Each structure stands twice: as structure tokens, then as C-alpha cells.
N, C-alpha and C. Protein backbone atom coordinates (compact mmCIF):
# COMPACT_ATOMS: atom_id res chain seq x y z
N MET A 1 0.84 -0.78 -0.14
CA MET A 1 0.00 -0.29 -0.14
C MET A 1 0.98 1.20 -0.20
N THR A 2 0.57 2.34 -0.80
CA THR A 2 0.82 3.40 -0.51
C THR A 2 0.82 4.58 0.45
N ARG A 3 1.51 5.57 1.01
CA ARG A 3 1.10 6.11 2.20
C ARG A 3 -0.10 6.84 1.61
N LYS A 4 -0.88 6.99 1.06
CA LYS A 4 -2.17 7.72 0.42
C LYS A 4 -3.28 6.77 0.62
N GLU A 5 -3.10 5.55 0.42
CA GLU A 5 -3.77 4.54 0.92
C GLU A 5 -4.06 4.35 2.31
N ILE A 6 -2.33 4.23 2.87
CA ILE A 6 -2.63 3.88 4.05
C ILE A 6 -3.62 5.02 5.32
N SER A 7 -3.17 6.55 4.90
CA SER A 7 -3.91 7.17 5.35
C SER A 7 -5.16 7.12 5.02
N ASP A 8 -5.73 6.86 3.71
CA ASP A 8 -6.93 6.90 3.49
C ASP A 8 -7.92 5.69 4.32
N SER A 9 -6.88 4.38 4.21
CA SER A 9 -7.74 3.76 4.80
C SER A 9 -8.09 3.73 6.72
N ILE A 10 -7.21 4.42 7.03
CA ILE A 10 -7.08 4.96 8.27
C ILE A 10 -8.40 6.07 8.68
N VAL A 11 -8.58 6.80 8.01
CA VAL A 11 -9.75 7.61 7.81
C VAL A 11 -11.10 7.04 7.75
N ASN A 12 -11.17 5.96 6.89
CA ASN A 12 -12.12 5.39 6.57
C ASN A 12 -12.24 4.69 8.06
N ILE A 13 -11.32 4.25 8.56
CA ILE A 13 -11.65 3.23 9.69
C ILE A 13 -12.30 3.99 11.06
N ILE A 14 -11.35 5.29 10.95
CA ILE A 14 -12.26 6.65 12.04
C ILE A 14 -13.64 6.63 11.83
N ASN A 15 -14.49 6.86 10.65
CA ASN A 15 -15.24 7.17 9.62
C ASN A 15 -16.28 5.71 10.41
N GLU A 16 -15.93 4.77 10.59
CA GLU A 16 -16.46 3.80 10.67
C GLU A 16 -16.83 3.66 12.22
N ILE A 17 -15.73 3.91 12.90
CA ILE A 17 -15.78 3.91 14.75
C ILE A 17 -16.11 5.40 14.71
N LEU A 18 -16.40 6.44 14.10
CA LEU A 18 -17.14 7.64 14.40
C LEU A 18 -17.51 8.16 13.57
N PRO A 19 -19.03 7.64 13.43
CA PRO A 19 -19.91 7.60 12.24
C PRO A 19 -20.15 9.63 12.28
N ASP A 20 -20.00 10.09 13.42
CA ASP A 20 -20.41 11.23 13.38
C ASP A 20 -19.43 12.47 13.45
N GLY A 21 -18.13 11.77 13.22
CA GLY A 21 -16.40 12.47 13.17
C GLY A 21 -16.61 13.21 12.10
N ASP A 22 -15.97 14.15 11.59
CA ASP A 22 -15.47 14.56 10.60
C ASP A 22 -14.28 14.65 10.46
N CYS A 23 -14.16 13.73 9.13
CA CYS A 23 -12.87 13.73 9.14
C CYS A 23 -12.05 14.52 7.76
N SER A 24 -12.75 15.46 7.16
CA SER A 24 -12.62 16.20 5.86
C SER A 24 -11.26 17.01 6.67
N GLY A 25 -11.51 17.76 7.62
CA GLY A 25 -10.57 18.51 7.53
C GLY A 25 -9.30 18.29 8.79
N LEU A 26 -8.83 17.14 8.71
CA LEU A 26 -7.83 16.91 9.42
C LEU A 26 -6.69 17.17 8.78
N ASP A 27 -5.91 17.88 10.03
CA ASP A 27 -4.93 18.34 9.74
C ASP A 27 -3.45 16.57 9.98
N PRO A 28 -2.78 16.69 9.03
CA PRO A 28 -2.17 15.18 9.19
C PRO A 28 -1.06 15.25 10.08
N ASP A 29 -0.52 16.43 10.97
CA ASP A 29 0.43 16.40 11.80
C ASP A 29 -0.04 16.69 13.24
N LYS A 30 -1.23 16.98 13.25
CA LYS A 30 -2.05 17.14 14.74
C LYS A 30 -2.22 16.15 15.27
N ARG A 31 -2.44 15.75 16.26
CA ARG A 31 -2.69 14.57 17.19
C ARG A 31 -4.21 14.34 16.85
N LEU A 32 -4.79 13.14 16.32
CA LEU A 32 -5.94 12.39 15.82
C LEU A 32 -6.50 12.50 17.30
N ARG A 33 -6.28 12.20 18.30
CA ARG A 33 -7.10 12.45 19.13
C ARG A 33 -7.59 13.51 20.01
N ASP A 34 -7.04 14.85 19.63
CA ASP A 34 -7.47 16.42 19.98
C ASP A 34 -7.97 16.69 18.72
N GLN A 35 -8.34 16.03 17.23
CA GLN A 35 -8.86 16.83 16.65
C GLN A 35 -10.37 16.21 16.85
N LEU A 36 -10.14 14.90 16.95
CA LEU A 36 -11.41 13.94 16.58
C LEU A 36 -12.06 13.79 18.03
N GLU A 37 -11.82 14.16 18.68
CA GLU A 37 -11.79 13.95 20.45
C GLU A 37 -12.03 12.02 20.72
N LEU A 38 -10.89 11.66 20.36
CA LEU A 38 -11.16 9.97 20.55
C LEU A 38 -10.88 9.65 22.11
N ASP A 39 -11.55 8.85 22.11
CA ASP A 39 -11.29 8.31 23.83
C ASP A 39 -10.20 7.00 23.78
N SER A 40 -9.68 6.52 24.64
CA SER A 40 -8.66 5.38 24.45
C SER A 40 -9.29 4.17 24.37
N MET A 41 -10.66 4.19 24.26
CA MET A 41 -11.53 2.82 23.63
C MET A 41 -11.96 2.78 22.16
N ASP A 42 -11.75 3.91 21.52
CA ASP A 42 -12.08 4.60 20.29
C ASP A 42 -10.48 3.98 19.30
N PHE A 43 -9.42 4.43 20.40
CA PHE A 43 -8.09 4.43 20.13
C PHE A 43 -7.68 2.79 19.51
N LEU A 44 -7.99 2.32 20.78
CA LEU A 44 -8.27 0.75 20.76
C LEU A 44 -8.77 -0.05 19.45
N ASP A 45 -9.94 0.84 19.24
CA ASP A 45 -11.03 0.01 17.94
C ASP A 45 -10.00 0.44 17.20
N ILE A 46 -9.99 1.44 16.79
CA ILE A 46 -8.52 1.57 15.71
C ILE A 46 -7.66 0.37 15.37
N VAL A 47 -6.70 0.24 16.50
CA VAL A 47 -5.88 -0.54 16.52
C VAL A 47 -6.66 -1.83 15.86
N MET A 48 -7.54 -2.24 16.44
CA MET A 48 -8.13 -3.48 16.18
C MET A 48 -8.33 -3.68 15.31
N GLU A 49 -9.38 -2.81 14.46
CA GLU A 49 -9.50 -2.72 12.89
C GLU A 49 -8.57 -2.91 11.82
N LEU A 50 -7.00 -2.30 12.72
CA LEU A 50 -6.17 -2.26 11.44
C LEU A 50 -5.59 -4.14 11.93
N ARG A 51 -5.77 -4.66 13.05
CA ARG A 51 -5.34 -5.95 12.80
C ARG A 51 -6.46 -6.42 12.23
N LYS A 52 -7.64 -6.36 12.40
CA LYS A 52 -8.65 -7.45 11.65
C LYS A 52 -8.29 -7.30 10.10
N LYS A 53 -8.47 -6.00 9.44
CA LYS A 53 -8.37 -5.82 8.03
C LYS A 53 -6.95 -5.95 7.31
N TYR A 54 -6.08 -5.91 8.08
CA TYR A 54 -5.02 -6.12 7.58
C TYR A 54 -3.61 -7.04 8.20
N GLY A 55 -3.88 -6.97 9.28
CA GLY A 55 -3.18 -8.50 9.57
C GLY A 55 -2.13 -7.90 10.64
N VAL A 56 -2.09 -6.47 10.79
CA VAL A 56 -0.52 -5.87 11.44
C VAL A 56 -1.62 -5.36 12.86
N GLU A 57 -0.18 -6.41 13.61
CA GLU A 57 -0.25 -6.16 15.23
C GLU A 57 0.29 -4.69 15.30
N VAL A 58 -0.15 -4.28 16.18
CA VAL A 58 0.38 -2.75 16.99
C VAL A 58 0.80 -3.33 18.68
N PRO A 59 2.01 -3.32 18.86
CA PRO A 59 2.20 -3.38 20.12
C PRO A 59 1.74 -2.24 21.03
N GLU A 60 1.47 -2.51 22.31
CA GLU A 60 1.05 -1.68 22.79
C GLU A 60 2.06 -0.22 23.46
N GLU A 61 3.36 -0.92 23.24
CA GLU A 61 4.48 0.01 23.36
C GLU A 61 4.85 1.21 22.13
N ASP A 62 3.72 0.72 21.03
CA ASP A 62 4.01 1.72 20.00
C ASP A 62 2.56 2.83 19.66
N TYR A 63 2.03 2.57 20.67
CA TYR A 63 0.52 3.32 20.23
C TYR A 63 0.84 4.60 20.10
N PRO A 64 2.02 5.19 20.83
CA PRO A 64 2.21 6.66 20.47
C PRO A 64 2.95 7.30 18.82
N LYS A 65 3.32 6.06 18.13
CA LYS A 65 3.73 6.41 16.77
C LYS A 65 2.36 6.57 16.02
N LEU A 66 1.48 6.28 16.52
CA LEU A 66 -0.31 6.40 15.73
C LEU A 66 -1.05 7.63 15.95
N ALA A 67 -0.04 8.54 16.89
CA ALA A 67 -0.59 9.81 17.14
C ALA A 67 -1.05 10.74 16.06
N THR A 68 -0.50 10.85 15.16
CA THR A 68 -1.56 11.41 13.97
C THR A 68 -1.62 11.00 12.50
N LEU A 69 -2.18 11.60 11.50
CA LEU A 69 -2.39 10.65 10.46
C LEU A 69 -0.78 10.04 9.66
N ASN A 70 0.46 11.41 9.97
CA ASN A 70 1.45 11.23 9.08
C ASN A 70 2.12 9.96 10.09
N SER A 71 1.93 10.55 11.15
CA SER A 71 2.91 9.15 11.69
C SER A 71 2.30 7.61 11.79
N CYS A 72 1.15 7.96 11.78
CA CYS A 72 0.21 6.49 11.09
C CYS A 72 0.82 5.63 10.34
N ALA A 73 0.96 7.01 9.47
CA ALA A 73 1.24 6.52 7.68
C ALA A 73 2.89 6.07 7.48
N ASP A 74 3.69 6.41 8.34
CA ASP A 74 4.98 6.52 8.72
C ASP A 74 5.57 4.85 9.81
N TYR A 75 4.63 4.51 10.24
CA TYR A 75 4.80 3.56 11.27
C TYR A 75 4.13 1.99 10.36
N LEU A 76 2.66 2.57 9.86
CA LEU A 76 2.47 1.24 8.64
C LEU A 76 3.00 0.99 7.14
N GLU A 77 3.63 1.76 6.85
CA GLU A 77 4.38 1.92 5.42
C GLU A 77 5.05 0.44 5.62
N PRO A 78 6.24 0.36 6.47
CA PRO A 78 6.91 -0.71 5.99
C PRO A 78 6.20 -2.08 6.46
N LYS A 79 5.14 -2.00 7.14
CA LYS A 79 4.31 -3.12 7.58
C LYS A 79 3.00 -3.39 6.52
N MET A 80 2.63 -2.44 5.80
CA MET A 80 1.30 -2.57 4.86
C MET A 80 2.21 -2.40 3.18
N LYS A 81 3.41 -2.78 3.20
CA LYS A 81 4.00 -2.20 1.76
C LYS A 81 3.58 -3.88 1.24
N SER A 82 3.43 -5.22 1.10
CA SER A 82 3.00 -6.01 0.56
C SER A 82 1.18 -6.10 0.40
N ILE A 83 0.82 -5.48 1.12
CA ILE A 83 -0.70 -5.50 0.70
C ILE A 83 -1.21 -4.78 -0.28
């Protein structure tokens, strides 16, 4: 997957978890939790969806690497290269 596809996938997952959330104006460099008022359960749902849809395991110690849309793409790109 390309960085754009990864970012789009993250946005799609967020839209599934937060159907009332507006992802259209996301700043890729700002924390997702701050922009979308994600709580810890929402964040865990995102991580679980990544595992379910793409087989990507994200260890708990790596959760801070998923803070922004850009950091998600940086972290996931090598893991999702062959998808």
C-alpha cells in the first residue's frame, strides 16, 4: 500500500468508529485524539480494525507512534508494503 492508501484506510476506519466525526479537515500533523476527541476505547478500536482488516499487529508500546495521520503512515508503511 502507498502512504496515501494507508492514510485513506485510517480515515475510513475512523469514519466507521466515529460515524459523526468529521475527518474532512484533518491536519495530518496534529494529534488525532485532539482533532476528533477520540477516547482510549476509540483508539483501541482503530488498532483492532488494523489487525482485523490488514493483519497488522501494533504492540502497546508503539501506540504513541499512531498519534497523527502522518505518524500512522510512517509507522504502518513498512508493515503494509506488501498489502
